[in-house]
């Protein structure tokens, strides 16, 4: 996609998630919108709406502007730009449909926001489940019935169900033991991908579409279906490389491969729908890769990583692609 579009060689973001996302949605520099990563359960006695305010309610967002211009607005994935009140959420910001989570991260298999997801024990003792659907007729958590619509046909016990014995959690590949493993279709990214493809397939092309797909990948916790770990092993072997002997780096590589496949499926769906020639794809990220444990990124040759103001923390991968890109600009690099 980058080779068929324009590579943005000097794309910069904030050093952490929420400010970068608040900036993108509001069109303002992070320091003028939100420069902290307060969690969804953060408590601030001086603030009547507590934490996770994100973008101030008096600021207009991108989705609201596009909706007023006639676009159908859909958001799928990570929000992290405010949820202190309904007006702070994607629904309150102009997205007519939202499927995803509000916090910095959640568990890929059970959608909770435990210690491995957020790095903290919150005021709900990490029992909060962060996986939601907001639309005109329903606003609430993803129920088992909704999960089935998105392809997950097995109980993932995101409600800490005693029936499957998955409390407190499962391992990185979706198993609690050898006898109970969740299928690949219950991986959060698999459900988000299914939802995104259905939005594209069901879109009425007489209206323009704004699809804001914000993948959980490659954020912690490092979790991925075992089938993708096996794919990484095969790819490394086929290229004559040595097996990846660092567990976290192998998980990170497999998650990167999963993201690549997801983008491919969305592009395929747009082409099948006849939308590609009039589509502009903007691919970006909200900060540099985390080089601390367990983040396991590598930003070489850039110095530093997430949480740092060195280029490794703020200079990010980005490109634009799609049939809307002028032919004369395809395959170019923008270094401005």
C-alpha atoms as a PDB file:
ATOM      1  CA  UNK A   1       0.000   0.000   0.000  1.00  0.00           C
ATOM      2  CA  UNK A   2       2.824   2.394   0.844  1.00  0.00           C
ATOM      3  CA  UNK A   3       4.504   1.658  -2.489  1.00  0.00           C
ATOM      4  CA  UNK A   4       1.241   2.444  -4.297  1.00  0.00           C
ATOM      5  CA  UNK A   5       0.658   5.604  -2.265  1.00  0.00           C
ATOM      6  CA  UNK A   6       2.717   8.322  -0.581  1.00  0.00           C
ATOM      7  CA  UNK A   7       5.087   7.439   2.252  1.00  0.00           C
ATOM      8  CA  UNK A   8       5.022  10.111   4.994  1.00  0.00           C
ATOM      9  CA  UNK A   9       8.649   9.970   6.036  1.00  0.00           C
ATOM     10  CA  UNK A  10       8.422  12.748   8.630  1.00  0.00           C
ATOM     11  CA  UNK A  11       5.141  12.049  10.364  1.00  0.00           C
ATOM     12  CA  UNK A  12       5.133  13.034  14.031  1.00  0.00           C
ATOM     13  CA  UNK A  13       2.712  12.259  16.860  1.00  0.00           C
ATOM     14  CA  UNK A  14       2.662  12.727  20.635  1.00  0.00           C
ATOM     15  CA  UNK A  15       4.730  10.365  22.777  1.00  0.00           C
ATOM     16  CA  UNK A  16       1.709   8.534  24.249  1.00  0.00           C
ATOM     17  CA  UNK A  17      -1.722   7.358  23.100  1.00  0.00           C
ATOM     18  CA  UNK A  18      -4.523   9.569  24.389  1.00  0.00           C
ATOM     19  CA  UNK A  19      -3.025  12.986  23.578  1.00  0.00           C
ATOM     20  CA  UNK A  20      -2.164  11.836  20.042  1.00  0.00           C
ATOM     21  CA  UNK A  21      -5.701  10.531  19.465  1.00  0.00           C
ATOM     22  CA  UNK A  22      -7.301  13.613  20.993  1.00  0.00           C
ATOM     23  CA  UNK A  23      -5.176  15.728  18.666  1.00  0.00           C
ATOM     24  CA  UNK A  24      -6.146  13.712  15.590  1.00  0.00           C
ATOM     25  CA  UNK A  25      -9.867  13.873  16.327  1.00  0.00           C
ATOM     26  CA  UNK A  26      -9.899  17.582  17.227  1.00  0.00           C
ATOM     27  CA  UNK A  27      -7.375  18.904  14.714  1.00  0.00           C
ATOM     28  CA  UNK A  28      -5.475  20.704  17.467  1.00  0.00           C
ATOM     29  CA  UNK A  29      -2.005  20.252  18.902  1.00  0.00           C
ATOM     30  CA  UNK A  30      -2.021  17.827  21.870  1.00  0.00           C
ATOM     31  CA  UNK A  31      -0.977  20.479  24.383  1.00  0.00           C
ATOM     32  CA  UNK A  32      -4.113  22.461  23.492  1.00  0.00           C
ATOM     33  CA  UNK A  33      -6.434  19.469  23.897  1.00  0.00           C
ATOM     34  CA  UNK A  34      -5.216  16.751  26.254  1.00  0.00           C
ATOM     35  CA  UNK A  35      -1.667  15.937  27.297  1.00  0.00           C
ATOM     36  CA  UNK A  36      -2.254  13.193  29.897  1.00  0.00           C
ATOM     37  CA  UNK A  37      -3.172   9.516  29.764  1.00  0.00           C
ATOM     38  CA  UNK A  38      -5.759   9.384  32.554  1.00  0.00           C
ATOM     39  CA  UNK A  39      -7.474   6.025  32.748  1.00  0.00           C
ATOM     40  CA  UNK A  40     -11.169   5.360  32.459  1.00  0.00           C
ATOM     41  CA  UNK A  41     -11.420   4.583  36.173  1.00  0.00           C
ATOM     42  CA  UNK A  42      -9.184   7.465  37.273  1.00  0.00           C
ATOM     43  CA  UNK A  43     -10.637   9.464  40.152  1.00  0.00           C
ATOM     44  CA  UNK A  44      -9.950  13.172  40.518  1.00  0.00           C
ATOM     45  CA  UNK A  45     -11.842  14.763  43.461  1.00  0.00           C
ATOM     46  CA  UNK A  46     -11.283  18.242  41.969  1.00  0.00           C
ATOM     47  CA  UNK A  47     -13.022  17.287  38.713  1.00  0.00           C
ATOM     48  CA  UNK A  48     -16.799  16.611  38.936  1.00  0.00           C
ATOM     49  CA  UNK A  49     -16.663  14.308  35.884  1.00  0.00           C
ATOM     50  CA  UNK A  50     -13.502  12.586  37.150  1.00  0.00           C
ATOM     51  CA  UNK A  51     -10.853  11.274  34.777  1.00  0.00           C
ATOM     52  CA  UNK A  52     -10.737  10.207  31.163  1.00  0.00           C
ATOM     53  CA  UNK A  53     -12.157  13.481  29.902  1.00  0.00           C
ATOM     54  CA  UNK A  54     -10.012  13.481  26.770  1.00  0.00           C
ATOM     55  CA  UNK A  55     -11.198  16.099  24.273  1.00  0.00           C
ATOM     56  CA  UNK A  56     -13.076  18.944  26.019  1.00  0.00           C
ATOM     57  CA  UNK A  57     -16.759  18.897  25.130  1.00  0.00           C
ATOM     58  CA  UNK A  58     -16.681  22.394  23.642  1.00  0.00           C
ATOM     59  CA  UNK A  59     -14.298  21.258  20.878  1.00  0.00           C
ATOM     60  CA  UNK A  60     -15.667  19.951  17.588  1.00  0.00           C
ATOM     61  CA  UNK A  61     -14.379  16.594  16.344  1.00  0.00           C
ATOM     62  CA  UNK A  62     -13.577  15.214  12.917  1.00  0.00           C
ATOM     63  CA  UNK A  63     -16.487  12.762  12.856  1.00  0.00           C
ATOM     64  CA  UNK A  64     -19.024  15.490  13.695  1.00  0.00           C
ATOM     65  CA  UNK A  65     -17.780  17.638  10.827  1.00  0.00           C
ATOM     66  CA  UNK A  66     -17.841  14.761   8.346  1.00  0.00           C
ATOM     67  CA  UNK A  67     -21.282  13.665   9.533  1.00  0.00           C
ATOM     68  CA  UNK A  68     -22.594  17.180   8.913  1.00  0.00           C
ATOM     69  CA  UNK A  69     -21.165  16.917   5.390  1.00  0.00           C
ATOM     70  CA  UNK A  70     -23.224  13.792   4.690  1.00  0.00           C
ATOM     71  CA  UNK A  71     -20.720  11.068   5.547  1.00  0.00           C
ATOM     72  CA  UNK A  72     -21.736   7.833   7.251  1.00  0.00           C
ATOM     73  CA  UNK A  73     -19.456   7.679  10.273  1.00  0.00           C
ATOM     74  CA  UNK A  74     -18.298   4.389  11.771  1.00  0.00           C
ATOM     75  CA  UNK A  75     -15.630   3.760  14.376  1.00  0.00           C
ATOM     76  CA  UNK A  76     -14.144   0.374  15.215  1.00  0.00           C
ATOM     77  CA  UNK A  77     -11.430  -0.307  17.790  1.00  0.00           C
ATOM     78  CA  UNK A  78      -9.572   1.801  20.333  1.00  0.00           C
ATOM     79  CA  UNK A  79     -10.981   5.219  21.278  1.00  0.00           C
ATOM     80  CA  UNK A  80      -8.905   6.614  24.190  1.00  0.00           C
ATOM     81  CA  UNK A  81      -9.995  10.202  23.546  1.00  0.00           C
ATOM     82  CA  UNK A  82     -12.409  10.622  26.455  1.00  0.00           C
ATOM     83  CA  UNK A  83     -15.316   8.845  28.111  1.00  0.00           C
ATOM     84  CA  UNK A  84     -16.050  10.786  31.300  1.00  0.00           C
ATOM     85  CA  UNK A  85     -19.571  11.518  30.030  1.00  0.00           C
ATOM     86  CA  UNK A  86     -21.611  10.232  27.047  1.00  0.00           C
ATOM     87  CA  UNK A  87     -20.655  13.416  25.175  1.00  0.00           C
ATOM     88  CA  UNK A  88     -16.984  12.451  25.432  1.00  0.00           C
ATOM     89  CA  UNK A  89     -17.496   9.028  23.824  1.00  0.00           C
ATOM     90  CA  UNK A  90     -17.388   8.192  20.089  1.00  0.00           C
ATOM     91  CA  UNK A  91     -21.198   8.394  19.984  1.00  0.00           C
ATOM     92  CA  UNK A  92     -21.095  11.897  21.461  1.00  0.00           C
ATOM     93  CA  UNK A  93     -18.347  12.873  19.032  1.00  0.00           C
ATOM     94  CA  UNK A  94     -20.286  12.188  15.863  1.00  0.00           C
ATOM     95  CA  UNK A  95     -19.835   8.480  15.182  1.00  0.00           C
ATOM     96  CA  UNK A  96     -23.205   6.927  14.416  1.00  0.00           C
ATOM     97  CA  UNK A  97     -21.811   3.456  15.085  1.00  0.00           C
ATOM     98  CA  UNK A  98     -19.030   2.372  17.444  1.00  0.00           C
ATOM     99  CA  UNK A  99     -17.709  -1.080  18.317  1.00  0.00           C
ATOM    100  CA  UNK A 100     -14.590  -1.190  20.453  1.00  0.00           C
ATOM    101  CA  UNK A 101     -13.094  -0.109  23.754  1.00  0.00           C
ATOM    102  CA  UNK A 102     -12.643   3.238  25.494  1.00  0.00           C
ATOM    103  CA  UNK A 103      -9.447   2.753  27.510  1.00  0.00           C
ATOM    104  CA  UNK A 104      -5.762   2.643  26.427  1.00  0.00           C
ATOM    105  CA  UNK A 105      -5.890  -1.154  26.135  1.00  0.00           C
ATOM    106  CA  UNK A 106      -7.824  -4.221  27.172  1.00  0.00           C
ATOM    107  CA  UNK A 107      -7.317  -7.967  27.141  1.00  0.00           C
ATOM    108  CA  UNK A 108      -7.443  -9.349  23.579  1.00  0.00           C
ATOM    109  CA  UNK A 109      -9.323 -12.453  24.699  1.00  0.00           C
ATOM    110  CA  UNK A 110     -11.515 -11.359  27.615  1.00  0.00           C
ATOM    111  CA  UNK A 111     -11.736  -7.582  27.087  1.00  0.00           C
ATOM    112  CA  UNK A 112     -10.989  -6.782  30.729  1.00  0.00           C
ATOM    113  CA  UNK A 113      -8.596  -4.006  31.737  1.00  0.00           C
ATOM    114  CA  UNK A 114      -6.409  -5.921  34.147  1.00  0.00           C
ATOM    115  CA  UNK A 115      -2.815  -5.295  35.170  1.00  0.00           C
ATOM    116  CA  UNK A 116      -1.312  -6.679  31.937  1.00  0.00           C
ATOM    117  CA  UNK A 117      -3.483  -4.314  29.890  1.00  0.00           C
ATOM    118  CA  UNK A 118      -3.091  -0.999  31.698  1.00  0.00           C
ATOM    119  CA  UNK A 119      -0.183  -1.574  34.083  1.00  0.00           C
ATOM    120  CA  UNK A 120      -2.246  -0.523  37.077  1.00  0.00           C
ATOM    121  CA  UNK A 121      -4.760  -1.762  39.613  1.00  0.00           C
ATOM    122  CA  UNK A 122      -7.731   0.552  39.281  1.00  0.00           C
ATOM    123  CA  UNK A 123     -10.538   1.608  41.600  1.00  0.00           C
ATOM    124  CA  UNK A 124     -12.660  -1.295  40.328  1.00  0.00           C
ATOM    125  CA  UNK A 125      -9.888  -3.759  41.267  1.00  0.00           C
ATOM    126  CA  UNK A 126      -9.384  -4.514  37.563  1.00  0.00           C
ATOM    127  CA  UNK A 127     -12.852  -6.042  37.192  1.00  0.00           C
ATOM    128  CA  UNK A 128     -14.042  -3.541  34.600  1.00  0.00           C
ATOM    129  CA  UNK A 129     -14.778  -4.971  31.136  1.00  0.00           C
ATOM    130  CA  UNK A 130     -14.151  -2.559  28.273  1.00  0.00           C
ATOM    131  CA  UNK A 131     -15.816  -3.737  25.045  1.00  0.00           C
ATOM    132  CA  UNK A 132     -18.805  -1.737  23.841  1.00  0.00           C
ATOM    133  CA  UNK A 133     -21.343  -1.132  21.103  1.00  0.00           C
ATOM    134  CA  UNK A 134     -22.931   2.297  20.613  1.00  0.00           C
ATOM    135  CA  UNK A 135     -25.522   2.976  17.939  1.00  0.00           C
ATOM    136  CA  UNK A 136     -28.975   4.508  17.612  1.00  0.00           C
ATOM    137  CA  UNK A 137     -30.797   1.568  19.196  1.00  0.00           C
ATOM    138  CA  UNK A 138     -28.235   0.091  21.617  1.00  0.00           C
ATOM    139  CA  UNK A 139     -25.549   1.437  23.933  1.00  0.00           C
ATOM    140  CA  UNK A 140     -23.862  -1.067  26.176  1.00  0.00           C
ATOM    141  CA  UNK A 141     -21.377  -3.899  26.512  1.00  0.00           C
ATOM    142  CA  UNK A 142     -20.722  -6.559  23.905  1.00  0.00           C
ATOM    143  CA  UNK A 143     -23.025  -9.405  24.939  1.00  0.00           C
ATOM    144  CA  UNK A 144     -22.424 -13.055  23.988  1.00  0.00           C
ATOM    145  CA  UNK A 145     -25.092 -12.633  21.288  1.00  0.00           C
ATOM    146  CA  UNK A 146     -23.287  -9.631  19.803  1.00  0.00           C
ATOM    147  CA  UNK A 147     -19.966 -11.483  20.011  1.00  0.00           C
ATOM    148  CA  UNK A 148     -21.520 -14.340  18.020  1.00  0.00           C
ATOM    149  CA  UNK A 149     -22.553 -11.862  15.324  1.00  0.00           C
ATOM    150  CA  UNK A 150     -18.889 -10.926  15.065  1.00  0.00           C
ATOM    151  CA  UNK A 151     -17.763 -14.536  14.791  1.00  0.00           C
ATOM    152  CA  UNK A 152     -16.987 -15.561  18.390  1.00  0.00           C
ATOM    153  CA  UNK A 153     -19.065 -18.670  19.040  1.00  0.00           C
ATOM    154  CA  UNK A 154     -17.441 -19.719  22.317  1.00  0.00           C
ATOM    155  CA  UNK A 155     -17.769 -18.233  25.813  1.00  0.00           C
ATOM    156  CA  UNK A 156     -14.764 -15.981  26.376  1.00  0.00           C
ATOM    157  CA  UNK A 157     -15.836 -15.340  29.972  1.00  0.00           C
ATOM    158  CA  UNK A 158     -15.333 -11.602  29.749  1.00  0.00           C
ATOM    159  CA  UNK A 159     -17.899 -11.440  32.553  1.00  0.00           C
ATOM    160  CA  UNK A 160     -15.603 -13.551  34.771  1.00  0.00           C
ATOM    161  CA  UNK A 161     -17.992 -16.457  34.261  1.00  0.00           C
ATOM    162  CA  UNK A 162     -17.526 -19.433  36.556  1.00  0.00           C
ATOM    163  CA  UNK A 163     -18.773 -21.846  33.890  1.00  0.00           C
ATOM    164  CA  UNK A 164     -15.500 -21.945  31.967  1.00  0.00           C
ATOM    165  CA  UNK A 165     -13.009 -21.504  34.758  1.00  0.00           C
ATOM    166  CA  UNK A 166     -11.254 -18.647  32.976  1.00  0.00           C
ATOM    167  CA  UNK A 167     -11.030 -16.431  36.055  1.00  0.00           C
ATOM    168  CA  UNK A 168      -8.663 -14.623  36.404  1.00  0.00           C
ATOM    169  CA  UNK A 169      -7.535 -14.975  32.813  1.00  0.00           C
ATOM    170  CA  UNK A 170      -6.036 -16.955  29.998  1.00  0.00           C
ATOM    171  CA  UNK A 171      -2.622 -17.089  28.402  1.00  0.00           C
ATOM    172  CA  UNK A 172      -1.319 -15.083  25.457  1.00  0.00           C
ATOM    173  CA  UNK A 173      -2.714 -17.494  22.881  1.00  0.00           C
ATOM    174  CA  UNK A 174      -6.229 -17.761  24.325  1.00  0.00           C
ATOM    175  CA  UNK A 175      -5.965 -20.941  26.402  1.00  0.00           C
ATOM    176  CA  UNK A 176      -6.672 -21.574  30.047  1.00  0.00           C
ATOM    177  CA  UNK A 177      -5.346 -25.124  29.763  1.00  0.00           C
ATOM    178  CA  UNK A 178      -4.893 -27.819  27.123  1.00  0.00           C
ATOM    179  CA  UNK A 179      -8.591 -28.684  27.196  1.00  0.00           C
ATOM    180  CA  UNK A 180     -10.042 -25.175  26.881  1.00  0.00           C
ATOM    181  CA  UNK A 181      -8.769 -22.768  24.245  1.00  0.00           C
ATOM    182  CA  UNK A 182     -10.693 -20.007  22.547  1.00  0.00           C
ATOM    183  CA  UNK A 183     -10.812 -20.161  18.749  1.00  0.00           C
ATOM    184  CA  UNK A 184      -9.049 -17.547  16.628  1.00  0.00           C
ATOM    185  CA  UNK A 185     -12.459 -16.001  15.890  1.00  0.00           C
ATOM    186  CA  UNK A 186     -12.755 -14.921  19.554  1.00  0.00           C
ATOM    187  CA  UNK A 187      -9.572 -12.852  19.367  1.00  0.00           C
ATOM    188  CA  UNK A 188     -10.695  -9.243  19.787  1.00  0.00           C
ATOM    189  CA  UNK A 189      -8.982  -8.166  16.566  1.00  0.00           C
ATOM    190  CA  UNK A 190     -10.789 -10.930  14.684  1.00  0.00           C
ATOM    191  CA  UNK A 191     -14.134  -9.599  15.885  1.00  0.00           C
ATOM    192  CA  UNK A 192     -13.183  -6.014  15.036  1.00  0.00           C
ATOM    193  CA  UNK A 193     -12.063  -7.119  11.570  1.00  0.00           C
ATOM    194  CA  UNK A 194     -15.349  -8.966  11.019  1.00  0.00           C
ATOM    195  CA  UNK A 195     -17.271  -5.873  12.068  1.00  0.00           C
ATOM    196  CA  UNK A 196     -15.258  -3.600   9.752  1.00  0.00           C
ATOM    197  CA  UNK A 197     -15.736  -5.881   6.752  1.00  0.00           C
ATOM    198  CA  UNK A 198     -19.491  -6.004   7.431  1.00  0.00           C
ATOM    199  CA  UNK A 199     -19.625  -2.184   7.558  1.00  0.00           C
ATOM    200  CA  UNK A 200     -17.918  -1.982   4.162  1.00  0.00           C
ATOM    201  CA  UNK A 201     -20.071  -4.701   2.635  1.00  0.00           C
ATOM    202  CA  UNK A 202     -23.290  -3.136   3.938  1.00  0.00           C
ATOM    203  CA  UNK A 203     -22.447   0.456   3.052  1.00  0.00           C
ATOM    204  CA  UNK A 204     -24.794   2.378   0.761  1.00  0.00           C
ATOM    205  CA  UNK A 205     -22.332   3.859  -1.736  1.00  0.00           C
ATOM    206  CA  UNK A 206     -24.684   6.727  -2.560  1.00  0.00           C
ATOM    207  CA  UNK A 207     -23.267   8.262   0.648  1.00  0.00           C
ATOM    208  CA  UNK A 208     -19.580   8.862   1.431  1.00  0.00           C
ATOM    209  CA  UNK A 209     -18.086   6.704   4.191  1.00  0.00           C
ATOM    210  CA  UNK A 210     -15.762   7.669   7.017  1.00  0.00           C
ATOM    211  CA  UNK A 211     -14.489   4.461   8.605  1.00  0.00           C
ATOM    212  CA  UNK A 212     -12.151   5.116  11.534  1.00  0.00           C
ATOM    213  CA  UNK A 213     -10.541   1.723  12.149  1.00  0.00           C
ATOM    214  CA  UNK A 214      -8.218   1.919  15.151  1.00  0.00           C
ATOM    215  CA  UNK A 215      -6.606  -1.444  15.682  1.00  0.00           C
ATOM    216  CA  UNK A 216      -5.659  -2.616  19.165  1.00  0.00           C
ATOM    217  CA  UNK A 217      -2.492  -4.001  17.588  1.00  0.00           C
ATOM    218  CA  UNK A 218       0.379  -3.610  18.423  1.00  0.00           C
ATOM    219  CA  UNK A 219      -0.416  -2.375  21.931  1.00  0.00           C
ATOM    220  CA  UNK A 220       0.121  -4.510  24.994  1.00  0.00           C
ATOM    221  CA  UNK A 221      -0.802  -6.984  26.324  1.00  0.00           C
ATOM    222  CA  UNK A 222       1.170  -9.113  23.864  1.00  0.00           C
ATOM    223  CA  UNK A 223      -1.455 -11.682  22.857  1.00  0.00           C
ATOM    224  CA  UNK A 224      -2.163 -13.406  19.548  1.00  0.00           C
ATOM    225  CA  UNK A 225      -3.642 -16.678  18.253  1.00  0.00           C
ATOM    226  CA  UNK A 226      -1.168 -19.557  18.257  1.00  0.00           C
ATOM    227  CA  UNK A 227      -1.746 -20.005  14.519  1.00  0.00           C
ATOM    228  CA  UNK A 228       0.083 -16.705  13.949  1.00  0.00           C
ATOM    229  CA  UNK A 229       3.053 -17.751  16.054  1.00  0.00           C
ATOM    230  CA  UNK A 230       3.268 -20.801  13.804  1.00  0.00           C
ATOM    231  CA  UNK A 231       3.036 -18.570  10.711  1.00  0.00           C
ATOM    232  CA  UNK A 232       5.969 -16.512  11.966  1.00  0.00           C
ATOM    233  CA  UNK A 233       8.015 -19.683  12.509  1.00  0.00           C
ATOM    234  CA  UNK A 234       7.256 -20.813   8.947  1.00  0.00           C
ATOM    235  CA  UNK A 235       8.116 -17.433   7.418  1.00  0.00           C
ATOM    236  CA  UNK A 236      11.420 -17.253   9.294  1.00  0.00           C
ATOM    237  CA  UNK A 237      12.282 -20.815   8.270  1.00  0.00           C
ATOM    238  CA  UNK A 238      11.379 -20.220   4.612  1.00  0.00           C
ATOM    239  CA  UNK A 239      13.684 -17.190   4.528  1.00  0.00           C
ATOM    240  CA  UNK A 240      16.546 -19.174   6.074  1.00  0.00           C
ATOM    241  CA  UNK A 241      16.532 -17.258   9.332  1.00  0.00           C
ATOM    242  CA  UNK A 242      17.183 -18.415  12.871  1.00  0.00           C
ATOM    243  CA  UNK A 243      14.083 -19.084  15.025  1.00  0.00           C
ATOM    244  CA  UNK A 244      13.039 -16.102  17.148  1.00  0.00           C
ATOM    245  CA  UNK A 245      14.134 -17.144  20.625  1.00  0.00           C
ATOM    246  CA  UNK A 246      12.713 -14.174  22.556  1.00  0.00           C
ATOM    247  CA  UNK A 247       9.101 -14.857  23.551  1.00  0.00           C
ATOM    248  CA  UNK A 248       7.928 -11.229  23.511  1.00  0.00           C
ATOM    249  CA  UNK A 249       9.644 -10.396  20.212  1.00  0.00           C
ATOM    250  CA  UNK A 250       8.007 -13.433  18.647  1.00  0.00           C
ATOM    251  CA  UNK A 251       4.584 -12.353  19.946  1.00  0.00           C
ATOM    252  CA  UNK A 252       5.239  -8.847  18.635  1.00  0.00           C
ATOM    253  CA  UNK A 253       6.169 -10.184  15.189  1.00  0.00           C
ATOM    254  CA  UNK A 254       3.036 -12.352  15.084  1.00  0.00           C
ATOM    255  CA  UNK A 255       0.843  -9.407  16.099  1.00  0.00           C
ATOM    256  CA  UNK A 256       2.423  -7.304  13.334  1.00  0.00           C
ATOM    257  CA  UNK A 257       1.625 -10.036  10.831  1.00  0.00           C
ATOM    258  CA  UNK A 258      -1.976 -10.140  12.093  1.00  0.00           C
ATOM    259  CA  UNK A 259      -2.303  -6.377  11.614  1.00  0.00           C
ATOM    260  CA  UNK A 260      -0.947  -6.677   8.081  1.00  0.00           C
ATOM    261  CA  UNK A 261      -3.490  -9.386   7.248  1.00  0.00           C
ATOM    262  CA  UNK A 262      -6.321  -7.274   8.709  1.00  0.00           C
ATOM    263  CA  UNK A 263      -5.425  -4.265   6.571  1.00  0.00           C
ATOM    264  CA  UNK A 264      -5.325  -6.612   3.577  1.00  0.00           C
ATOM    265  CA  UNK A 265      -8.826  -7.912   4.315  1.00  0.00           C
ATOM    266  CA  UNK A 266     -10.242  -4.389   4.586  1.00  0.00           C
ATOM    267  CA  UNK A 267      -8.651  -3.379   1.284  1.00  0.00           C
ATOM    268  CA  UNK A 268     -10.008  -6.536  -0.356  1.00  0.00           C
ATOM    269  CA  UNK A 269     -13.510  -5.727   0.943  1.00  0.00           C
ATOM    270  CA  UNK A 270     -13.342  -2.166  -0.405  1.00  0.00           C
ATOM    271  CA  UNK A 271     -12.218  -3.389  -3.821  1.00  0.00           C
ATOM    272  CA  UNK A 272     -14.977  -6.024  -3.922  1.00  0.00           C
ATOM    273  CA  UNK A 273     -17.534  -3.321  -3.082  1.00  0.00           C
ATOM    274  CA  UNK A 274     -16.236  -1.110  -5.889  1.00  0.00           C
ATOM    275  CA  UNK A 275     -15.174   1.603  -3.436  1.00  0.00           C
ATOM    276  CA  UNK A 276     -11.395   1.476  -3.794  1.00  0.00           C
ATOM    277  CA  UNK A 277     -10.973   3.880  -6.698  1.00  0.00           C
ATOM    278  CA  UNK A 278     -12.631   6.666  -4.696  1.00  0.00           C
ATOM    279  CA  UNK A 279     -11.082   5.836  -1.319  1.00  0.00           C
ATOM    280  CA  UNK A 280      -8.285   7.583   0.551  1.00  0.00           C
ATOM    281  CA  UNK A 281      -6.570   5.357   3.119  1.00  0.00           C
ATOM    282  CA  UNK A 282      -4.606   7.140   5.837  1.00  0.00           C
ATOM    283  CA  UNK A 283      -2.398   4.778   7.835  1.00  0.00           C
ATOM    284  CA  UNK A 284      -0.762   6.144  10.969  1.00  0.00           C
ATOM    285  CA  UNK A 285       0.034   5.402  14.596  1.00  0.00           C
ATOM    286  CA  UNK A 286      -0.233   7.411  17.782  1.00  0.00           C
ATOM    287  CA  UNK A 287       3.333   7.113  19.111  1.00  0.00           C
ATOM    288  CA  UNK A 288       6.621   5.347  18.593  1.00  0.00           C
ATOM    289  CA  UNK A 289       7.133   1.722  19.556  1.00  0.00           C
ATOM    290  CA  UNK A 290       7.573   0.852  23.264  1.00  0.00           C
ATOM    291  CA  UNK A 291      11.100  -0.403  23.864  1.00  0.00           C
ATOM    292  CA  UNK A 292      10.504  -1.280  27.519  1.00  0.00           C
ATOM    293  CA  UNK A 293       9.308  -4.659  28.796  1.00  0.00           C
ATOM    294  CA  UNK A 294       6.921  -6.046  27.782  1.00  0.00           C
ATOM    295  CA  UNK A 295       6.444  -3.681  24.811  1.00  0.00           C
ATOM    296  CA  UNK A 296       9.312  -5.255  22.835  1.00  0.00           C
ATOM    297  CA  UNK A 297       9.451  -2.799  19.914  1.00  0.00           C
ATOM    298  CA  UNK A 298      12.598  -1.768  18.057  1.00  0.00           C
ATOM    299  CA  UNK A 299      12.774   1.756  16.590  1.00  0.00           C
ATOM    300  CA  UNK A 300      16.339   1.520  15.245  1.00  0.00           C
ATOM    301  CA  UNK A 301      17.964   3.673  13.908  1.00  0.00           C
ATOM    302  CA  UNK A 302      15.835   6.189  15.822  1.00  0.00           C
ATOM    303  CA  UNK A 303      16.689   6.870  19.454  1.00  0.00           C
ATOM    304  CA  UNK A 304      14.160   6.225  22.217  1.00  0.00           C
ATOM    305  CA  UNK A 305      10.605   4.958  22.162  1.00  0.00           C
ATOM    306  CA  UNK A 306       7.124   5.497  23.537  1.00  0.00           C
ATOM    307  CA  UNK A 307       6.987   7.996  26.467  1.00  0.00           C
ATOM    308  CA  UNK A 308      10.110   9.671  25.043  1.00  0.00           C
ATOM    309  CA  UNK A 309      10.397  12.905  23.068  1.00  0.00           C
ATOM    310  CA  UNK A 310      13.298  11.462  21.081  1.00  0.00           C
ATOM    311  CA  UNK A 311      12.399  10.589  17.494  1.00  0.00           C
ATOM    312  CA  UNK A 312      11.872   6.942  18.416  1.00  0.00           C
ATOM    313  CA  UNK A 313       8.921   8.041  20.546  1.00  0.00           C
ATOM    314  CA  UNK A 314       7.296  10.591  18.248  1.00  0.00           C
ATOM    315  CA  UNK A 315       8.327   9.918  14.617  1.00  0.00           C
ATOM    316  CA  UNK A 316       5.909   7.270  13.445  1.00  0.00           C
ATOM    317  CA  UNK A 317       5.079   5.007  10.520  1.00  0.00           C
ATOM    318  CA  UNK A 318       2.562   6.656   8.200  1.00  0.00           C
ATOM    319  CA  UNK A 319       1.440   6.696   4.590  1.00  0.00           C
ATOM    320  CA  UNK A 320      -1.577   7.512   2.438  1.00  0.00           C
ATOM    321  CA  UNK A 321      -2.848   5.150  -0.231  1.00  0.00           C
ATOM    322  CA  UNK A 322      -5.971   4.157  -2.129  1.00  0.00           C
ATOM    323  CA  UNK A 323      -7.397   4.878  -5.543  1.00  0.00           C
ATOM    324  CA  UNK A 324      -7.982   8.534  -4.643  1.00  0.00           C
ATOM    325  CA  UNK A 325      -4.225   9.214  -4.580  1.00  0.00           C
ATOM    326  CA  UNK A 326      -3.245  10.950  -7.861  1.00  0.00           C
ATOM    327  CA  UNK A 327      -1.356   8.628 -10.200  1.00  0.00           C
ATOM    328  CA  UNK A 328       1.517  11.109 -10.425  1.00  0.00           C
ATOM    329  CA  UNK A 329       2.089  10.932  -6.651  1.00  0.00           C
ATOM    330  CA  UNK A 330       1.955   7.164  -6.247  1.00  0.00           C
ATOM    331  CA  UNK A 331       5.177   5.561  -5.142  1.00  0.00           C
ATOM    332  CA  UNK A 332       6.555   8.863  -3.813  1.00  0.00           C
ATOM    333  CA  UNK A 333       7.932   9.893  -0.437  1.00  0.00           C
ATOM    334  CA  UNK A 334       6.939  13.078   1.359  1.00  0.00           C
ATOM    335  CA  UNK A 335       9.644  14.324   3.704  1.00  0.00           C
ATOM    336  CA  UNK A 336       8.196  17.733   4.537  1.00  0.00           C
END
